[in-house]
Amino acid sequence: VESGGGLVQPGGSLRLSCAASGYSFANFG
């Protein structure tokens, strides 16, 4: 599940997140 998108002005910043479940997260790229 991705989140954190939105509208931003040129030169601005955003941080996107991806929450994972259902597998061994650390063992995969």
PDB file of all heavy atoms in Angstrom:
ATOM      1  N   VAL A   1       0.847  -1.190   0.000  1.00  0.00           N
ATOM      2  CA  VAL A   1       0.000   0.000   0.000  1.00  0.00           C
ATOM      3  C   VAL A   1       0.879   1.235   0.000  1.00  0.00           C
ATOM      4  O   VAL A   1       1.588   1.497   0.976  1.00  0.00           O
ATOM      5  CB  VAL A   1      -0.949   0.027   1.209  1.00  0.00           C
ATOM      6  CG1 VAL A   1      -1.809   1.288   1.167  1.00  0.00           C
ATOM      7  CG2 VAL A   1      -1.832  -1.208   1.237  1.00  0.00           C
ATOM      8  N   GLU A   2       0.819   2.016  -1.097  1.00  0.00           N
ATOM      9  CA  GLU A   2       1.557   3.273  -1.189  1.00  0.00           C
ATOM     10  C   GLU A   2       0.742   4.418  -0.597  1.00  0.00           C
ATOM     11  O   GLU A   2      -0.491   4.410  -0.653  1.00  0.00           O
ATOM     12  CB  GLU A   2       1.893   3.610  -2.648  1.00  0.00           C
ATOM     13  CG  GLU A   2       2.760   2.588  -3.360  1.00  0.00           C
ATOM     14  CD  GLU A   2       1.959   1.607  -4.191  1.00  0.00           C
ATOM     15  OE1 GLU A   2       0.763   1.383  -3.875  1.00  0.00           O
ATOM     16  OE2 GLU A   2       2.521   1.072  -5.162  1.00  0.00           O
ATOM     17  N   SER A   3       1.441   5.416  -0.081  1.00  0.00           N
ATOM     18  CA  SER A   3       0.800   6.621   0.417  1.00  0.00           C
ATOM     19  C   SER A   3       1.795   7.771   0.374  1.00  0.00           C
ATOM     20  O   SER A   3       2.992   7.566   0.160  1.00  0.00           O
ATOM     21  CB  SER A   3       0.268   6.424   1.838  1.00  0.00           C
ATOM     22  OG  SER A   3       1.323   6.133   2.743  1.00  0.00           O
ATOM     23  N   GLY A   4       1.308   8.986   0.579  1.00  0.00           N
ATOM     24  CA  GLY A   4       2.164  10.153   0.683  1.00  0.00           C
ATOM     25  C   GLY A   4       2.190  11.049  -0.537  1.00  0.00           C
ATOM     26  O   GLY A   4       2.824  12.108  -0.498  1.00  0.00           O
ATOM     27  N   GLY A   5       1.522  10.662  -1.612  1.00  0.00           N
ATOM     28  CA  GLY A   5       1.484  11.499  -2.794  1.00  0.00           C
ATOM     29  C   GLY A   5       0.625  12.736  -2.581  1.00  0.00           C
ATOM     30  O   GLY A   5      -0.078  12.869  -1.584  1.00  0.00           O
ATOM     31  N   GLY A   6       0.703  13.659  -3.541  1.00  0.00           N
ATOM     32  CA  GLY A   6      -0.072  14.877  -3.462  1.00  0.00           C
ATOM     33  C   GLY A   6       0.411  15.908  -4.448  1.00  0.00           C
ATOM     34  O   GLY A   6       1.194  15.611  -5.353  1.00  0.00           O
ATOM     35  N   LEU A   7      -0.049  17.134  -4.253  1.00  0.00           N
ATOM     36  CA  LEU A   7       0.314  18.269  -5.100  1.00  0.00           C
ATOM     37  C   LEU A   7       1.419  19.067  -4.423  1.00  0.00           C
ATOM     38  O   LEU A   7       1.308  19.414  -3.241  1.00  0.00           O
ATOM     39  CB  LEU A   7      -0.903  19.154  -5.340  1.00  0.00           C
ATOM     40  CG  LEU A   7      -0.678  20.446  -6.121  1.00  0.00           C
ATOM     41  CD1 LEU A   7      -0.240  20.149  -7.547  1.00  0.00           C
ATOM     42  CD2 LEU A   7      -1.948  21.282  -6.109  1.00  0.00           C
ATOM     43  N   VAL A   8       2.475  19.358  -5.167  1.00  0.00           N
ATOM     44  CA  VAL A   8       3.599  20.110  -4.631  1.00  0.00           C
ATOM     45  C   VAL A   8       4.127  21.060  -5.701  1.00  0.00           C
ATOM     46  O   VAL A   8       4.038  20.764  -6.899  1.00  0.00           O
ATOM     47  CB  VAL A   8       4.712  19.156  -4.135  1.00  0.00           C
ATOM     48  CG1 VAL A   8       5.305  18.362  -5.294  1.00  0.00           C
ATOM     49  CG2 VAL A   8       5.791  19.907  -3.383  1.00  0.00           C
ATOM     50  N   GLN A   9       4.652  22.202  -5.270  1.00  0.00           N
ATOM     51  CA  GLN A   9       5.234  23.157  -6.213  1.00  0.00           C
ATOM     52  C   GLN A   9       6.606  22.704  -6.680  1.00  0.00           C
ATOM     53  O   GLN A   9       7.297  21.953  -5.979  1.00  0.00           O
ATOM     54  CB  GLN A   9       5.346  24.535  -5.559  1.00  0.00           C
ATOM     55  CG  GLN A   9       4.019  25.181  -5.242  1.00  0.00           C
ATOM     56  CD  GLN A   9       4.189  26.566  -4.660  1.00  0.00           C
ATOM     57  OE1 GLN A   9       5.272  26.952  -4.233  1.00  0.00           O
ATOM     58  NE2 GLN A   9       3.105  27.328  -4.646  1.00  0.00           N
ATOM     59  N   PRO A  10       7.026  23.121  -7.871  1.00  0.00           N
ATOM     60  CA  PRO A  10       8.394  22.817  -8.305  1.00  0.00           C
ATOM     61  C   PRO A  10       9.409  23.255  -7.258  1.00  0.00           C
ATOM     62  O   PRO A  10       9.297  24.331  -6.673  1.00  0.00           O
ATOM     63  CB  PRO A  10       8.539  23.618  -9.590  1.00  0.00           C
ATOM     64  CG  PRO A  10       7.140  23.735 -10.115  1.00  0.00           C
ATOM     65  CD  PRO A  10       6.275  23.862  -8.892  1.00  0.00           C
ATOM     66  N   GLY A  11      10.392  22.395  -7.029  1.00  0.00           N
ATOM     67  CA  GLY A  11      11.386  22.637  -6.002  1.00  0.00           C
ATOM     68  C   GLY A  11      11.019  22.108  -4.636  1.00  0.00           C
ATOM     69  O   GLY A  11      11.857  22.118  -3.724  1.00  0.00           O
ATOM     70  N   GLY A  12       9.796  21.633  -4.471  1.00  0.00           N
ATOM     71  CA  GLY A  12       9.336  21.130  -3.198  1.00  0.00           C
ATOM     72  C   GLY A  12       9.741  19.690  -2.940  1.00  0.00           C
ATOM     73  O   GLY A  12      10.450  19.069  -3.729  1.00  0.00           O
ATOM     74  N   SER A  13       9.245  19.155  -1.822  1.00  0.00           N
ATOM     75  CA  SER A  13       9.603  17.814  -1.374  1.00  0.00           C
ATOM     76  C   SER A  13       8.369  17.014  -0.986  1.00  0.00           C
ATOM     77  O   SER A  13       7.357  17.575  -0.556  1.00  0.00           O
ATOM     78  CB  SER A  13      10.537  17.881  -0.159  1.00  0.00           C
ATOM     79  OG  SER A  13      11.738  18.553  -0.456  1.00  0.00           O
ATOM     80  N   LEU A  14       8.470  15.708  -1.132  1.00  0.00           N
ATOM     81  CA  LEU A  14       7.466  14.764  -0.658  1.00  0.00           C
ATOM     82  C   LEU A  14       8.171  13.500  -0.193  1.00  0.00           C
ATOM     83  O   LEU A  14       9.242  13.169  -0.696  1.00  0.00           O
ATOM     84  CB  LEU A  14       6.467  14.386  -1.756  1.00  0.00           C
ATOM     85  CG  LEU A  14       5.372  15.375  -2.145  1.00  0.00           C
ATOM     86  CD1 LEU A  14       4.620  14.845  -3.357  1.00  0.00           C
ATOM     87  CD2 LEU A  14       4.412  15.597  -0.986  1.00  0.00           C
ATOM     88  N   ARG A  15       7.543  12.793   0.737  1.00  0.00           N
ATOM     89  CA  ARG A  15       8.017  11.474   1.130  1.00  0.00           C
ATOM     90  C   ARG A  15       6.912  10.464   0.913  1.00  0.00           C
ATOM     91  O   ARG A  15       5.840  10.560   1.513  1.00  0.00           O
ATOM     92  CB  ARG A  15       8.465  11.435   2.592  1.00  0.00           C
ATOM     93  CG  ARG A  15       9.136  10.099   2.952  1.00  0.00           C
ATOM     94  CD  ARG A  15       9.582  10.021   4.392  1.00  0.00           C
ATOM     95  NE  ARG A  15       8.462   9.857   5.313  1.00  0.00           N
ATOM     96  CZ  ARG A  15       8.574   9.467   6.569  1.00  0.00           C
ATOM     97  NH1 ARG A  15       9.787   9.205   7.075  1.00  0.00           N
ATOM     98  NH2 ARG A  15       7.512   9.363   7.339  1.00  0.00           N
ATOM     99  N   LEU A  16       7.175   9.490   0.050  1.00  0.00           N
ATOM    100  CA  LEU A  16       6.243   8.406  -0.203  1.00  0.00           C
ATOM    101  C   LEU A  16       6.561   7.228   0.708  1.00  0.00           C
ATOM    102  O   LEU A  16       7.717   6.980   1.033  1.00  0.00           O
ATOM    103  CB  LEU A  16       6.308   7.954  -1.657  1.00  0.00           C
ATOM    104  CG  LEU A  16       6.162   9.038  -2.730  1.00  0.00           C
ATOM    105  CD1 LEU A  16       6.160   8.397  -4.113  1.00  0.00           C
ATOM    106  CD2 LEU A  16       4.905   9.860  -2.506  1.00  0.00           C
ATOM    107  N   SER A  17       5.521   6.496   1.084  1.00  0.00           N
ATOM    108  CA  SER A  17       5.678   5.306   1.906  1.00  0.00           C
ATOM    109  C   SER A  17       5.025   4.123   1.219  1.00  0.00           C
ATOM    110  O   SER A  17       4.031   4.274   0.513  1.00  0.00           O
ATOM    111  CB  SER A  17       5.038   5.499   3.283  1.00  0.00           C
ATOM    112  OG  SER A  17       5.629   6.560   3.991  1.00  0.00           O
ATOM    113  N   CYS A  18       5.585   2.948   1.427  1.00  0.00           N
ATOM    114  CA  CYS A  18       5.004   1.700   0.948  1.00  0.00           C
ATOM    115  C   CYS A  18       4.995   0.726   2.108  1.00  0.00           C
ATOM    116  O   CYS A  18       6.059   0.283   2.556  1.00  0.00           O
ATOM    117  CB  CYS A  18       5.798   1.145  -0.228  1.00  0.00           C
ATOM    118  SG  CYS A  18       5.232  -0.462  -0.823  1.00  0.00           S
ATOM    119  N   ALA A  19       3.812   0.408   2.599  1.00  0.00           N
ATOM    120  CA  ALA A  19       3.652  -0.532   3.700  1.00  0.00           C
ATOM    121  C   ALA A  19       3.412  -1.927   3.144  1.00  0.00           C
ATOM    122  O   ALA A  19       2.514  -2.125   2.320  1.00  0.00           O
ATOM    123  CB  ALA A  19       2.492  -0.111   4.594  1.00  0.00           C
ATOM    124  N   ALA A  20       4.198  -2.888   3.596  1.00  0.00           N
ATOM    125  CA  ALA A  20       4.164  -4.251   3.061  1.00  0.00           C
ATOM    126  C   ALA A  20       3.697  -5.239   4.114  1.00  0.00           C
ATOM    127  O   ALA A  20       3.918  -5.053   5.313  1.00  0.00           O
ATOM    128  CB  ALA A  20       5.545  -4.656   2.553  1.00  0.00           C
ATOM    129  N   SER A  21       3.066  -6.308   3.648  1.00  0.00           N
ATOM    130  CA  SER A  21       2.627  -7.369   4.538  1.00  0.00           C
ATOM    131  C   SER A  21       2.519  -8.672   3.764  1.00  0.00           C
ATOM    132  O   SER A  21       2.457  -8.677   2.536  1.00  0.00           O
ATOM    133  CB  SER A  21       1.284  -7.027   5.195  1.00  0.00           C
ATOM    134  OG  SER A  21       0.270  -6.869   4.220  1.00  0.00           O
ATOM    135  N   GLY A  22       2.512  -9.788   4.484  1.00  0.00           N
ATOM    136  CA  GLY A  22       2.250 -11.078   3.876  1.00  0.00           C
ATOM    137  C   GLY A  22       3.463 -11.858   3.410  1.00  0.00           C
ATOM    138  O   GLY A  22       3.302 -12.911   2.791  1.00  0.00           O
ATOM    139  N   TYR A  23       4.660 -11.378   3.708  1.00  0.00           N
ATOM    140  CA  TYR A  23       5.884 -12.082   3.326  1.00  0.00           C
ATOM    141  C   TYR A  23       7.032 -11.628   4.209  1.00  0.00           C
ATOM    142  O   TYR A  23       6.872 -10.714   5.018  1.00  0.00           O
ATOM    143  CB  TYR A  23       6.200 -11.859   1.847  1.00  0.00           C
ATOM    144  CG  TYR A  23       6.652 -10.451   1.513  1.00  0.00           C
ATOM    145  CD1 TYR A  23       7.988 -10.174   1.258  1.00  0.00           C
ATOM    146  CD2 TYR A  23       5.741  -9.404   1.451  1.00  0.00           C
ATOM    147  CE1 TYR A  23       8.401  -8.889   0.949  1.00  0.00           C
ATOM    148  CE2 TYR A  23       6.143  -8.117   1.152  1.00  0.00           C
ATOM    149  CZ  TYR A  23       7.471  -7.863   0.898  1.00  0.00           C
ATOM    150  OH  TYR A  23       7.883  -6.585   0.592  1.00  0.00           O
ATOM    151  N   SER A  24       8.194 -12.257   4.034  1.00  0.00           N
ATOM    152  CA  SER A  24       9.375 -11.897   4.818  1.00  0.00           C
ATOM    153  C   SER A  24      10.024 -10.664   4.204  1.00  0.00           C
ATOM    154  O   SER A  24      10.885 -10.762   3.327  1.00  0.00           O
ATOM    155  CB  SER A  24      10.355 -13.060   4.867  1.00  0.00           C
ATOM    156  OG  SER A  24       9.780 -14.190   5.501  1.00  0.00           O
ATOM    157  N   PHE A  25       9.624  -9.498   4.682  1.00  0.00           N
ATOM    158  CA  PHE A  25       9.976  -8.222   4.066  1.00  0.00           C
ATOM    159  C   PHE A  25      11.479  -8.047   3.879  1.00  0.00           C
ATOM    160  O   PHE A  25      11.941  -7.672   2.799  1.00  0.00           O
ATOM    161  CB  PHE A  25       9.408  -7.081   4.916  1.00  0.00           C
ATOM    162  CG  PHE A  25       9.715  -5.710   4.403  1.00  0.00           C
ATOM    163  CD1 PHE A  25       8.932  -5.135   3.413  1.00  0.00           C
ATOM    164  CD2 PHE A  25      10.774  -4.981   4.913  1.00  0.00           C
ATOM    165  CE1 PHE A  25       9.203  -3.864   2.942  1.00  0.00           C
ATOM    166  CE2 PHE A  25      11.054  -3.710   4.454  1.00  0.00           C
ATOM    167  CZ  PHE A  25      10.271  -3.156   3.464  1.00  0.00           C
ATOM    168  N   ALA A  26      12.246  -8.315   4.912  1.00  0.00           N
ATOM    169  CA  ALA A  26      13.679  -8.027   4.876  1.00  0.00           C
ATOM    170  C   ALA A  26      14.441  -8.903   3.889  1.00  0.00           C
ATOM    171  O   ALA A  26      15.561  -8.554   3.505  1.00  0.00           O
ATOM    172  CB  ALA A  26      14.283  -8.173   6.270  1.00  0.00           C
ATOM    173  N   ASN A  27      13.862 -10.025   3.463  1.00  0.00           N
ATOM    174  CA  ASN A  27      14.565 -10.967   2.603  1.00  0.00           C
ATOM    175  C   ASN A  27      14.411 -10.682   1.114  1.00  0.00           C
ATOM    176  O   ASN A  27      14.948 -11.432   0.291  1.00  0.00           O
ATOM    177  CB  ASN A  27      14.089 -12.392   2.887  1.00  0.00           C
ATOM    178  CG  ASN A  27      14.565 -12.901   4.232  1.00  0.00           C
ATOM    179  OD1 ASN A  27      15.613 -12.495   4.726  1.00  0.00           O
ATOM    180  ND2 ASN A  27      13.797 -13.802   4.827  1.00  0.00           N
ATOM    181  N   PHE A  28      13.703  -9.607   0.751  1.00  0.00           N
ATOM    182  CA  PHE A  28      13.466  -9.283  -0.648  1.00  0.00           C
ATOM    183  C   PHE A  28      13.794  -7.832  -0.936  1.00  0.00           C
ATOM    184  O   PHE A  28      13.562  -6.948  -0.111  1.00  0.00           O
ATOM    185  CB  PHE A  28      12.007  -9.558  -1.033  1.00  0.00           C
ATOM    186  CG  PHE A  28      11.638 -11.007  -1.037  1.00  0.00           C
ATOM    187  CD1 PHE A  28      11.190 -11.628   0.112  1.00  0.00           C
ATOM    188  CD2 PHE A  28      11.747 -11.755  -2.197  1.00  0.00           C
ATOM    189  CE1 PHE A  28      10.854 -12.968   0.123  1.00  0.00           C
ATOM    190  CE2 PHE A  28      11.412 -13.098  -2.209  1.00  0.00           C
ATOM    191  CZ  PHE A  28      10.972 -13.706  -1.050  1.00  0.00           C
ATOM    192  N   GLY A  29      14.331  -7.606  -2.133  1.00  0.00           N
ATOM    193  CA  GLY A  29      14.521  -6.250  -2.590  1.00  0.00           C
ATOM    194  C   GLY A  29      13.193  -5.570  -2.893  1.00  0.00           C
ATOM    195  O   GLY A  29      12.159  -6.219  -3.059  1.00  0.00           O
TER     196      GLY A  29
END
